[in-house]
Each structure stands twice: as C-alpha cells, then as structure tokens.
Full PDB file with SEQRES, HELIX, SHEET, SSBOND, CRYST1, ORIGX, SCALE, CONECT and MASTER records, all heavy atoms in Angstrom:
SEQRES   1 A   41  ALA SER CYS LYS LYS ASP LYS SER ASP ASP PRO ALA SER          
SEQRES   2 A   41  THR ASN ASN ASP VAL THR ILE ASN SER THR ALA GLN VAL          
SEQRES   3 A   41  SER PHE LYS LEU ASP GLY THR THR LYS SER TYR VAL GLN          
SEQRES   4 A   41  SER ALA                                                      
HELIX    1 AA1 ASN A   15  ASP A   17  5                                   3    
SHEET    1 AA1 2 GLN A  25  LEU A  30  0                                        
SHEET    2 AA1 2 THR A  33  VAL A  38 -1                                        
CRYST1    1.000    1.000    1.000  90.00  90.00  90.00 P 1           1          
ORIGX1      1.000000  0.000000  0.000000        0.00000                         
ORIGX2      0.000000  1.000000  0.000000        0.00000                         
ORIGX3      0.000000  0.000000  1.000000        0.00000                         
SCALE1      1.000000  0.000000  0.000000        0.00000                         
SCALE2      0.000000  1.000000  0.000000        0.00000                         
SCALE3      0.000000  0.000000  1.000000        0.00000                         
ATOM      1  N   ALA A   1     -51.799  30.903 -80.726  1.00  0.00           N  
ATOM      2  CA  ALA A   1     -51.221  29.610 -80.956  1.00  0.00           C  
ATOM      3  C   ALA A   1     -51.709  28.548 -79.837  1.00  0.00           C  
ATOM      4  O   ALA A   1     -51.903  27.434 -80.101  1.00  0.00           O  
ATOM      5  CB  ALA A   1     -49.822  29.608 -81.179  1.00  0.00           C  
ATOM      6  N   SER A   2     -51.719  29.044 -78.568  1.00  0.00           N  
ATOM      7  CA  SER A   2     -51.869  28.185 -77.475  1.00  0.00           C  
ATOM      8  C   SER A   2     -53.139  28.319 -76.614  1.00  0.00           C  
ATOM      9  O   SER A   2     -53.387  27.649 -75.588  1.00  0.00           O  
ATOM     10  CB  SER A   2     -50.687  28.103 -76.649  1.00  0.00           C  
ATOM     11  OG  SER A   2     -50.480  29.440 -76.073  1.00  0.00           O  
ATOM     12  N   CYS A   3     -53.876  29.428 -76.894  1.00  0.00           N  
ATOM     13  CA  CYS A   3     -55.031  29.740 -76.033  1.00  0.00           C  
ATOM     14  C   CYS A   3     -56.144  28.873 -76.253  1.00  0.00           C  
ATOM     15  O   CYS A   3     -56.319  28.238 -77.242  1.00  0.00           O  
ATOM     16  CB  CYS A   3     -55.448  31.291 -76.265  1.00  0.00           C  
ATOM     17  SG  CYS A   3     -56.130  31.496 -77.901  1.00  0.00           S  
ATOM     18  N   LYS A   4     -56.928  28.777 -75.115  1.00  0.00           N  
ATOM     19  CA  LYS A   4     -58.291  28.059 -75.283  1.00  0.00           C  
ATOM     20  C   LYS A   4     -59.219  28.900 -76.009  1.00  0.00           C  
ATOM     21  O   LYS A   4     -59.270  30.144 -75.862  1.00  0.00           O  
ATOM     22  CB  LYS A   4     -58.854  27.819 -73.808  1.00  0.00           C  
ATOM     23  CG  LYS A   4     -60.151  27.147 -73.770  1.00  0.00           C  
ATOM     24  CD  LYS A   4     -60.582  26.987 -72.323  1.00  0.00           C  
ATOM     25  CE  LYS A   4     -62.048  26.255 -72.266  1.00  0.00           C  
ATOM     26  NZ  LYS A   4     -62.399  26.214 -70.932  1.00  0.00           N  
ATOM     27  N   LYS A   5     -60.011  28.402 -76.880  1.00  0.00           N  
ATOM     28  CA  LYS A   5     -60.900  29.102 -77.770  1.00  0.00           C  
ATOM     29  C   LYS A   5     -62.344  28.487 -77.658  1.00  0.00           C  
ATOM     30  O   LYS A   5     -62.493  27.314 -77.662  1.00  0.00           O  
ATOM     31  CB  LYS A   5     -60.394  29.133 -79.241  1.00  0.00           C  
ATOM     32  CG  LYS A   5     -59.004  29.755 -79.380  1.00  0.00           C  
ATOM     33  CD  LYS A   5     -58.549  29.726 -80.879  1.00  0.00           C  
ATOM     34  CE  LYS A   5     -57.171  30.225 -81.043  1.00  0.00           C  
ATOM     35  NZ  LYS A   5     -56.691  30.117 -82.355  1.00  0.00           N  
ATOM     36  N   ASP A   6     -63.223  29.430 -77.693  1.00  0.00           N  
ATOM     37  CA  ASP A   6     -64.686  28.957 -77.923  1.00  0.00           C  
ATOM     38  C   ASP A   6     -65.090  29.308 -79.357  1.00  0.00           C  
ATOM     39  O   ASP A   6     -64.821  30.274 -79.932  1.00  0.00           O  
ATOM     40  CB  ASP A   6     -65.603  29.815 -76.970  1.00  0.00           C  
ATOM     41  CG  ASP A   6     -65.631  29.216 -75.605  1.00  0.00           C  
ATOM     42  OD1 ASP A   6     -64.826  28.325 -75.359  1.00  0.00           O  
ATOM     43  OD2 ASP A   6     -66.345  29.808 -74.697  1.00  0.00           O  
ATOM     44  N   LYS A   7     -65.721  28.330 -79.825  1.00  0.00           N  
ATOM     45  CA  LYS A   7     -66.263  28.506 -81.296  1.00  0.00           C  
ATOM     46  C   LYS A   7     -67.243  29.754 -81.232  1.00  0.00           C  
ATOM     47  O   LYS A   7     -68.057  29.947 -80.443  1.00  0.00           O  
ATOM     48  CB  LYS A   7     -67.066  27.379 -81.697  1.00  0.00           C  
ATOM     49  CG  LYS A   7     -67.616  27.557 -83.217  1.00  0.00           C  
ATOM     50  CD  LYS A   7     -68.190  26.317 -83.702  1.00  0.00           C  
ATOM     51  CE  LYS A   7     -68.871  26.444 -85.065  1.00  0.00           C  
ATOM     52  NZ  LYS A   7     -69.532  25.185 -85.489  1.00  0.00           N  
ATOM     53  N   SER A   8     -66.982  30.710 -82.116  1.00  0.00           N  
ATOM     54  CA  SER A   8     -67.767  31.923 -82.169  1.00  0.00           C  
ATOM     55  C   SER A   8     -69.229  31.647 -82.428  1.00  0.00           C  
ATOM     56  O   SER A   8     -69.593  30.773 -83.266  1.00  0.00           O  
ATOM     57  CB  SER A   8     -67.285  32.857 -83.266  1.00  0.00           C  
ATOM     58  OG  SER A   8     -68.090  33.981 -83.397  1.00  0.00           O  
ATOM     59  N   ASP A   9     -70.111  32.278 -81.567  1.00  0.00           N  
ATOM     60  CA  ASP A   9     -71.487  32.045 -81.707  1.00  0.00           C  
ATOM     61  C   ASP A   9     -72.200  33.146 -82.466  1.00  0.00           C  
ATOM     62  O   ASP A   9     -73.403  33.394 -82.485  1.00  0.00           O  
ATOM     63  CB  ASP A   9     -72.249  31.762 -80.353  1.00  0.00           C  
ATOM     64  CG  ASP A   9     -71.997  32.916 -79.470  1.00  0.00           C  
ATOM     65  OD1 ASP A   9     -71.360  33.962 -79.811  1.00  0.00           O  
ATOM     66  OD2 ASP A   9     -72.355  32.865 -78.237  1.00  0.00           O  
ATOM     67  N   ASP A  10     -71.360  34.060 -83.140  1.00  0.00           N  
ATOM     68  CA  ASP A  10     -71.871  35.205 -83.764  1.00  0.00           C  
ATOM     69  C   ASP A  10     -71.505  35.035 -85.295  1.00  0.00           C  
ATOM     70  O   ASP A  10     -70.607  34.406 -85.639  1.00  0.00           O  
ATOM     71  CB  ASP A  10     -71.302  36.449 -83.268  1.00  0.00           C  
ATOM     72  CG  ASP A  10     -71.478  36.486 -81.666  1.00  0.00           C  
ATOM     73  OD1 ASP A  10     -72.594  36.498 -81.389  1.00  0.00           O  
ATOM     74  OD2 ASP A  10     -70.484  36.674 -80.924  1.00  0.00           O  
ATOM     75  N   PRO A  11     -72.309  35.758 -86.176  1.00  0.00           N  
ATOM     76  CA  PRO A  11     -71.982  35.696 -87.606  1.00  0.00           C  
ATOM     77  C   PRO A  11     -70.653  36.207 -87.956  1.00  0.00           C  
ATOM     78  O   PRO A  11     -70.254  37.273 -87.536  1.00  0.00           O  
ATOM     79  CB  PRO A  11     -73.176  36.489 -88.255  1.00  0.00           C  
ATOM     80  CG  PRO A  11     -73.612  37.445 -87.102  1.00  0.00           C  
ATOM     81  CD  PRO A  11     -73.452  36.565 -85.819  1.00  0.00           C  
ATOM     82  N   ALA A  12     -69.843  35.468 -88.659  1.00  0.00           N  
ATOM     83  CA  ALA A  12     -68.501  35.900 -89.095  1.00  0.00           C  
ATOM     84  C   ALA A  12     -68.613  37.054 -90.237  1.00  0.00           C  
ATOM     85  O   ALA A  12     -69.544  36.992 -90.971  1.00  0.00           O  
ATOM     86  CB  ALA A  12     -67.701  34.673 -89.653  1.00  0.00           C  
ATOM     87  N   SER A  13     -67.641  37.923 -90.303  1.00  0.00           N  
ATOM     88  CA  SER A  13     -67.521  38.858 -91.205  1.00  0.00           C  
ATOM     89  C   SER A  13     -66.394  38.519 -92.194  1.00  0.00           C  
ATOM     90  O   SER A  13     -65.322  38.137 -91.721  1.00  0.00           O  
ATOM     91  CB  SER A  13     -67.381  40.254 -90.634  1.00  0.00           C  
ATOM     92  OG  SER A  13     -66.959  41.228 -91.631  1.00  0.00           O  
ATOM     93  N   THR A  14     -66.558  38.745 -93.460  1.00  0.00           N  
ATOM     94  CA  THR A  14     -65.476  38.570 -94.384  1.00  0.00           C  
ATOM     95  C   THR A  14     -65.090  39.791 -95.111  1.00  0.00           C  
ATOM     96  O   THR A  14     -64.581  39.861 -96.177  1.00  0.00           O  
ATOM     97  CB  THR A  14     -65.822  37.539 -95.403  1.00  0.00           C  
ATOM     98  OG1 THR A  14     -67.077  37.796 -96.086  1.00  0.00           O  
ATOM     99  CG2 THR A  14     -66.031  36.103 -94.770  1.00  0.00           C  
ATOM    100  N   ASN A  15     -65.473  40.992 -94.517  1.00  0.00           N  
ATOM    101  CA  ASN A  15     -65.228  42.362 -95.092  1.00  0.00           C  
ATOM    102  C   ASN A  15     -63.740  42.480 -95.358  1.00  0.00           C  
ATOM    103  O   ASN A  15     -62.928  42.283 -94.400  1.00  0.00           O  
ATOM    104  CB  ASN A  15     -65.750  43.412 -94.273  1.00  0.00           C  
ATOM    105  CG  ASN A  15     -65.669  44.759 -94.809  1.00  0.00           C  
ATOM    106  OD1 ASN A  15     -65.760  44.940 -96.056  1.00  0.00           O  
ATOM    107  ND2 ASN A  15     -65.384  45.787 -94.069  1.00  0.00           N  
ATOM    108  N   ASN A  16     -63.394  42.791 -96.637  1.00  0.00           N  
ATOM    109  CA  ASN A  16     -62.008  42.822 -97.034  1.00  0.00           C  
ATOM    110  C   ASN A  16     -61.099  41.723 -96.700  1.00  0.00           C  
ATOM    111  O   ASN A  16     -59.896  41.733 -96.540  1.00  0.00           O  
ATOM    112  CB  ASN A  16     -61.325  44.100 -96.247  1.00  0.00           C  
ATOM    113  CG  ASN A  16     -61.899  45.420 -96.741  1.00  0.00           C  
ATOM    114  OD1 ASN A  16     -62.769  45.515 -97.587  1.00  0.00           O  
ATOM    115  ND2 ASN A  16     -61.267  46.586 -96.310  1.00  0.00           N  
ATOM    116  N   ASP A  17     -61.737  40.465 -96.706  1.00  0.00           N  
ATOM    117  CA  ASP A  17     -61.161  39.245 -96.502  1.00  0.00           C  
ATOM    118  C   ASP A  17     -60.540  39.173 -95.100  1.00  0.00           C  
ATOM    119  O   ASP A  17     -59.696  38.186 -94.828  1.00  0.00           O  
ATOM    120  CB  ASP A  17     -60.060  38.966 -97.545  1.00  0.00           C  
ATOM    121  CG  ASP A  17     -60.662  38.930 -98.892  1.00  0.00           C  
ATOM    122  OD1 ASP A  17     -61.689  38.375 -99.035  1.00  0.00           O  
ATOM    123  OD2 ASP A  17     -59.981  39.382 -99.842  1.00  0.00           O  
ATOM    124  N   VAL A  18     -60.850  40.022 -94.106  1.00  0.00           N  
ATOM    125  CA  VAL A  18     -60.408  39.832 -92.757  1.00  0.00           C  
ATOM    126  C   VAL A  18     -61.442  39.150 -91.953  1.00  0.00           C  
ATOM    127  O   VAL A  18     -62.632  39.497 -92.093  1.00  0.00           O  
ATOM    128  CB  VAL A  18     -60.191  41.202 -92.120  1.00  0.00           C  
ATOM    129  CG1 VAL A  18     -59.701  41.136 -90.680  1.00  0.00           C  
ATOM    130  CG2 VAL A  18     -59.214  42.084 -92.873  1.00  0.00           C  
ATOM    131  N   THR A  19     -60.987  38.039 -91.277  1.00  0.00           N  
ATOM    132  CA  THR A  19     -61.944  37.269 -90.476  1.00  0.00           C  
ATOM    133  C   THR A  19     -61.459  37.352 -88.999  1.00  0.00           C  
ATOM    134  O   THR A  19     -60.395  37.788 -88.714  1.00  0.00           O  
ATOM    135  CB  THR A  19     -62.018  35.779 -90.912  1.00  0.00           C  
ATOM    136  OG1 THR A  19     -60.814  35.178 -90.530  1.00  0.00           O  
ATOM    137  CG2 THR A  19     -62.252  35.707 -92.485  1.00  0.00           C  
ATOM    138  N   ILE A  20     -62.252  36.810 -88.112  1.00  0.00           N  
ATOM    139  CA  ILE A  20     -61.918  36.790 -86.698  1.00  0.00           C  
ATOM    140  C   ILE A  20     -60.569  36.027 -86.385  1.00  0.00           C  
ATOM    141  O   ILE A  20     -59.922  36.158 -85.354  1.00  0.00           O  
ATOM    142  CB  ILE A  20     -63.088  36.073 -85.871  1.00  0.00           C  
ATOM    143  CG1 ILE A  20     -62.963  36.433 -84.397  1.00  0.00           C  
ATOM    144  CG2 ILE A  20     -63.156  34.623 -86.111  1.00  0.00           C  
ATOM    145  CD1 ILE A  20     -63.226  37.930 -84.120  1.00  0.00           C  
ATOM    146  N   ASN A  21     -60.159  35.127 -87.418  1.00  0.00           N  
ATOM    147  CA  ASN A  21     -59.010  34.410 -87.100  1.00  0.00           C  
ATOM    148  C   ASN A  21     -57.776  34.978 -87.908  1.00  0.00           C  
ATOM    149  O   ASN A  21     -56.658  34.414 -87.965  1.00  0.00           O  
ATOM    150  CB  ASN A  21     -59.144  32.973 -87.558  1.00  0.00           C  
ATOM    151  CG  ASN A  21     -60.256  32.213 -86.753  1.00  0.00           C  
ATOM    152  OD1 ASN A  21     -60.118  32.242 -85.546  1.00  0.00           O  
ATOM    153  ND2 ASN A  21     -61.163  31.582 -87.402  1.00  0.00           N  
ATOM    154  N   SER A  22     -57.966  36.204 -88.362  1.00  0.00           N  
ATOM    155  CA  SER A  22     -56.811  36.851 -89.157  1.00  0.00           C  
ATOM    156  C   SER A  22     -55.807  37.452 -88.180  1.00  0.00           C  
ATOM    157  O   SER A  22     -56.031  37.473 -86.947  1.00  0.00           O  
ATOM    158  CB  SER A  22     -57.338  37.912 -90.023  1.00  0.00           C  
ATOM    159  OG  SER A  22     -58.190  37.428 -91.080  1.00  0.00           O  
ATOM    160  N   THR A  23     -54.698  37.951 -88.598  1.00  0.00           N  
ATOM    161  CA  THR A  23     -53.772  38.646 -87.804  1.00  0.00           C  
ATOM    162  C   THR A  23     -54.325  40.006 -87.365  1.00  0.00           C  
ATOM    163  O   THR A  23     -55.004  40.566 -88.226  1.00  0.00           O  
ATOM    164  CB  THR A  23     -52.445  38.843 -88.652  1.00  0.00           C  
ATOM    165  OG1 THR A  23     -51.908  37.649 -89.041  1.00  0.00           O  
ATOM    166  CG2 THR A  23     -51.377  39.584 -87.799  1.00  0.00           C  
ATOM    167  N   ALA A  24     -54.019  40.352 -86.155  1.00  0.00           N  
ATOM    168  CA  ALA A  24     -54.471  41.704 -85.640  1.00  0.00           C  
ATOM    169  C   ALA A  24     -54.132  42.807 -86.604  1.00  0.00           C  
ATOM    170  O   ALA A  24     -52.961  42.834 -86.997  1.00  0.00           O  
ATOM    171  CB  ALA A  24     -53.963  41.960 -84.281  1.00  0.00           C  
ATOM    172  N   GLN A  25     -55.068  43.697 -86.963  1.00  0.00           N  
ATOM    173  CA  GLN A  25     -54.800  44.784 -87.911  1.00  0.00           C  
ATOM    174  C   GLN A  25     -55.775  45.776 -87.907  1.00  0.00           C  
ATOM    175  O   GLN A  25     -56.916  45.662 -87.369  1.00  0.00           O  
ATOM    176  CB  GLN A  25     -54.640  44.107 -89.319  1.00  0.00           C  
ATOM    177  CG  GLN A  25     -55.971  43.423 -89.779  1.00  0.00           C  
ATOM    178  CD  GLN A  25     -55.815  42.566 -91.030  1.00  0.00           C  
ATOM    179  OE1 GLN A  25     -55.783  43.165 -92.144  1.00  0.00           O  
ATOM    180  NE2 GLN A  25     -55.503  41.288 -90.827  1.00  0.00           N  
ATOM    181  N   VAL A  26     -55.543  46.920 -88.591  1.00  0.00           N  
ATOM    182  CA  VAL A  26     -56.596  47.868 -88.909  1.00  0.00           C  
ATOM    183  C   VAL A  26     -56.293  48.558 -90.233  1.00  0.00           C  
ATOM    184  O   VAL A  26     -55.100  48.709 -90.673  1.00  0.00           O  
ATOM    185  CB  VAL A  26     -56.534  49.060 -87.777  1.00  0.00           C  
ATOM    186  CG1 VAL A  26     -55.290  49.800 -87.763  1.00  0.00           C  
ATOM    187  CG2 VAL A  26     -57.643  49.974 -88.083  1.00  0.00           C  
ATOM    188  N   SER A  27     -57.285  48.805 -91.037  1.00  0.00           N  
ATOM    189  CA  SER A  27     -57.157  49.500 -92.316  1.00  0.00           C  
ATOM    190  C   SER A  27     -58.335  50.407 -92.382  1.00  0.00           C  
ATOM    191  O   SER A  27     -59.481  50.122 -91.984  1.00  0.00           O  
ATOM    192  CB  SER A  27     -57.088  48.441 -93.420  1.00  0.00           C  
ATOM    193  OG  SER A  27     -58.322  47.726 -93.495  1.00  0.00           O  
ATOM    194  N   PHE A  28     -58.173  51.455 -93.144  1.00  0.00           N  
ATOM    195  CA  PHE A  28     -59.172  52.586 -93.365  1.00  0.00           C  
ATOM    196  C   PHE A  28     -58.770  53.426 -94.448  1.00  0.00           C  
ATOM    197  O   PHE A  28     -57.562  53.515 -94.763  1.00  0.00           O  
ATOM    198  CB  PHE A  28     -59.665  53.288 -92.073  1.00  0.00           C  
ATOM    199  CG  PHE A  28     -58.383  53.885 -91.413  1.00  0.00           C  
ATOM    200  CD1 PHE A  28     -58.054  55.178 -91.659  1.00  0.00           C  
ATOM    201  CD2 PHE A  28     -57.756  53.105 -90.444  1.00  0.00           C  
ATOM    202  CE1 PHE A  28     -57.023  55.761 -90.986  1.00  0.00           C  
ATOM    203  CE2 PHE A  28     -56.644  53.658 -89.810  1.00  0.00           C  
ATOM    204  CZ  PHE A  28     -56.287  55.031 -89.973  1.00  0.00           C  
ATOM    205  N   LYS A  29     -59.733  54.331 -95.012  1.00  0.00           N  
ATOM    206  CA  LYS A  29     -59.435  55.371 -95.803  1.00  0.00           C  
ATOM    207  C   LYS A  29     -59.448  56.672 -95.157  1.00  0.00           C  
ATOM    208  O   LYS A  29     -60.508  56.942 -94.438  1.00  0.00           O  
ATOM    209  CB  LYS A  29     -60.214  55.442 -97.044  1.00  0.00           C  
ATOM    210  CG  LYS A  29     -60.073  54.220 -98.022  1.00  0.00           C  
ATOM    211  CD  LYS A  29     -60.938  54.265 -99.222  1.00  0.00           C  
ATOM    212  CE  LYS A  29     -60.680  53.029-100.150  1.00  0.00           C  
ATOM    213  NZ  LYS A  29     -61.513  52.971-101.305  1.00  0.00           N  
ATOM    214  N   LEU A  30     -58.374  57.498 -95.185  1.00  0.00           N  
ATOM    215  CA  LEU A  30     -58.401  58.814 -94.512  1.00  0.00           C  
ATOM    216  C   LEU A  30     -58.425  59.826 -95.607  1.00  0.00           C  
ATOM    217  O   LEU A  30     -57.518  60.077 -96.321  1.00  0.00           O  
ATOM    218  CB  LEU A  30     -57.119  58.898 -93.648  1.00  0.00           C  
ATOM    219  CG  LEU A  30     -57.020  60.126 -92.904  1.00  0.00           C  
ATOM    220  CD1 LEU A  30     -57.971  60.180 -91.629  1.00  0.00           C  
ATOM    221  CD2 LEU A  30     -55.555  60.358 -92.280  1.00  0.00           C  
ATOM    222  N   ASP A  31     -59.630  60.446 -95.620  1.00  0.00           N  
ATOM    223  CA  ASP A  31     -59.871  61.415 -96.763  1.00  0.00           C  
ATOM    224  C   ASP A  31     -59.553  60.775 -98.146  1.00  0.00           C  
ATOM    225  O   ASP A  31     -58.965  61.368 -98.996  1.00  0.00           O  
ATOM    226  CB  ASP A  31     -59.042  62.696 -96.567  1.00  0.00           C  
ATOM    227  CG  ASP A  31     -59.641  63.597 -95.522  1.00  0.00           C  
ATOM    228  OD1 ASP A  31     -60.804  63.424 -95.208  1.00  0.00           O  
ATOM    229  OD2 ASP A  31     -58.886  64.563 -95.071  1.00  0.00           O  
ATOM    230  N   GLY A  32     -59.884  59.465 -98.286  1.00  0.00           N  
ATOM    231  CA  GLY A  32     -59.613  58.848 -99.492  1.00  0.00           C  
ATOM    232  C   GLY A  32     -58.308  58.076 -99.656  1.00  0.00           C  
ATOM    233  O   GLY A  32     -58.206  57.236-100.656  1.00  0.00           O  
ATOM    234  N   THR A  33     -57.381  58.297 -98.768  1.00  0.00           N  
ATOM    235  CA  THR A  33     -56.124  57.740 -98.912  1.00  0.00           C  
ATOM    236  C   THR A  33     -56.064  56.455 -97.892  1.00  0.00           C  
ATOM    237  O   THR A  33     -56.397  56.555 -96.694  1.00  0.00           O  
ATOM    238  CB  THR A  33     -54.922  58.656 -98.416  1.00  0.00           C  
ATOM    239  OG1 THR A  33     -54.994  59.795 -99.323  1.00  0.00           O  
ATOM    240  CG2 THR A  33     -53.609  57.969 -98.504  1.00  0.00           C  
ATOM    241  N   THR A  34     -55.717  55.241 -98.411  1.00  0.00           N  
ATOM    242  CA  THR A  34     -55.698  54.079 -97.672  1.00  0.00           C  
ATOM    243  C   THR A  34     -54.605  54.082 -96.591  1.00  0.00           C  
ATOM    244  O   THR A  34     -53.496  54.313 -96.905  1.00  0.00           O  
ATOM    245  CB  THR A  34     -55.560  52.833 -98.576  1.00  0.00           C  
ATOM    246  OG1 THR A  34     -56.657  52.778 -99.443  1.00  0.00           O  
ATOM    247  CG2 THR A  34     -55.573  51.483 -97.755  1.00  0.00           C  
ATOM    248  N   LYS A  35     -54.982  53.617 -95.468  1.00  0.00           N  
ATOM    249  CA  LYS A  35     -54.004  53.494 -94.274  1.00  0.00           C  
ATOM    250  C   LYS A  35     -54.131  52.118 -93.841  1.00  0.00           C  
ATOM    251  O   LYS A  35     -55.229  51.584 -93.711  1.00  0.00           O  
ATOM    252  CB  LYS A  35     -54.194  54.494 -93.143  1.00  0.00           C  
ATOM    253  CG  LYS A  35     -54.204  55.973 -93.565  1.00  0.00           C  
ATOM    254  CD  LYS A  35     -52.805  56.411 -93.945  1.00  0.00           C  
ATOM    255  CE  LYS A  35     -52.848  57.815 -94.313  1.00  0.00           C  
ATOM    256  NZ  LYS A  35     -51.496  58.354 -94.691  1.00  0.00           N  
ATOM    257  N   SER A  36     -53.038  51.411 -93.553  1.00  0.00           N  
ATOM    258  CA  SER A  36     -53.142  49.964 -93.158  1.00  0.00           C  
ATOM    259  C   SER A  36     -52.055  49.710 -92.206  1.00  0.00           C  
ATOM    260  O   SER A  36     -50.821  49.959 -92.491  1.00  0.00           O  
ATOM    261  CB  SER A  36     -53.071  49.013 -94.363  1.00  0.00           C  
ATOM    262  OG  SER A  36     -53.142  47.678 -93.976  1.00  0.00           O  
ATOM    263  N   TYR A  37     -52.305  48.961 -91.029  1.00  0.00           N  
ATOM    264  CA  TYR A  37     -51.273  48.604 -90.063  1.00  0.00           C  
ATOM    265  C   TYR A  37     -51.579  47.162 -89.636  1.00  0.00           C  
ATOM    266  O   TYR A  37     -52.656  46.884 -89.245  1.00  0.00           O  
ATOM    267  CB  TYR A  37     -51.383  49.512 -88.815  1.00  0.00           C  
ATOM    268  CG  TYR A  37     -51.065  50.873 -89.191  1.00  0.00           C  
ATOM    269  CD1 TYR A  37     -52.139  51.823 -89.518  1.00  0.00           C  
ATOM    270  CD2 TYR A  37     -49.871  51.501 -89.267  1.00  0.00           C  
ATOM    271  CE1 TYR A  37     -52.001  53.093 -89.907  1.00  0.00           C  
ATOM    272  CE2 TYR A  37     -49.578  52.750 -89.624  1.00  0.00           C  
ATOM    273  CZ  TYR A  37     -50.728  53.637 -89.918  1.00  0.00           C  
ATOM    274  OH  TYR A  37     -50.529  54.937 -90.285  1.00  0.00           O  
ATOM    275  N   VAL A  38     -50.641  46.183 -89.779  1.00  0.00           N  
ATOM    276  CA  VAL A  38     -50.824  44.795 -89.477  1.00  0.00           C  
ATOM    277  C   VAL A  38     -49.770  44.443 -88.409  1.00  0.00           C  
ATOM    278  O   VAL A  38     -48.638  44.851 -88.584  1.00  0.00           O  
ATOM    279  CB  VAL A  38     -50.688  43.917 -90.656  1.00  0.00           C  
ATOM    280  CG1 VAL A  38     -50.885  42.500 -90.365  1.00  0.00           C  
ATOM    281  CG2 VAL A  38     -51.734  44.385 -91.815  1.00  0.00           C  
ATOM    282  N   GLN A  39     -50.184  43.751 -87.457  1.00  0.00           N  
ATOM    283  CA  GLN A  39     -49.219  43.300 -86.326  1.00  0.00           C  
ATOM    284  C   GLN A  39     -48.084  42.680 -86.916  1.00  0.00           C  
ATOM    285  O   GLN A  39     -48.170  41.737 -87.737  1.00  0.00           O  
ATOM    286  CB  GLN A  39     -49.971  42.399 -85.359  1.00  0.00           C  
ATOM    287  CG  GLN A  39     -49.147  41.972 -84.201  1.00  0.00           C  
ATOM    288  CD  GLN A  39     -50.023  41.022 -83.357  1.00  0.00           C  
ATOM    289  OE1 GLN A  39     -50.762  41.489 -82.572  1.00  0.00           O  
ATOM    290  NE2 GLN A  39     -49.783  39.723 -83.464  1.00  0.00           N  
ATOM    291  N   SER A  40     -46.873  43.024 -86.576  1.00  0.00           N  
ATOM    292  CA  SER A  40     -45.681  42.532 -87.112  1.00  0.00           C  
ATOM    293  C   SER A  40     -44.534  42.890 -86.200  1.00  0.00           C  
ATOM    294  O   SER A  40     -44.780  43.275 -84.998  1.00  0.00           O  
ATOM    295  CB  SER A  40     -45.428  43.079 -88.442  1.00  0.00           C  
ATOM    296  OG  SER A  40     -45.122  44.538 -88.381  1.00  0.00           O  
ATOM    297  N   ALA A  41     -43.260  42.676 -86.517  1.00  0.00           N  
ATOM    298  CA  ALA A  41     -42.078  43.071 -85.802  1.00  0.00           C  
ATOM    299  C   ALA A  41     -42.100  44.602 -85.583  1.00  0.00           C  
ATOM    300  O   ALA A  41     -41.410  45.040 -84.725  1.00  0.00           O  
ATOM    301  CB  ALA A  41     -40.798  42.581 -86.447  1.00  0.00           C  
TER     302      ALA A  41                                                      
MASTER        0    0    0    1    2    0    0    6  301    1    0    4          
END                                                                             
C-alpha cells in the first residue's frame, strides 16, 4: 500500500489470472489434486 514501486520492465504473466499485483499466493496440482494458499489472516 505504501512502498515505492518501479514499473515492471518485464513481460507480465496472466497465468491463472494471477498478476504481479495480485495478493501473495501459491497454487498447484499435487498428483492431480489442486492445492491453493492465499495470504490472509
């Protein structure tokens, strides 16, 4: 919210609708089962 930011000079990714400005998170399939963790309380 308050940090100084430089405009990214690299190509953005929209894989799974996650961009460089999304909430910190990880998602993947483990032996075909989806696992997902998003920064929260």
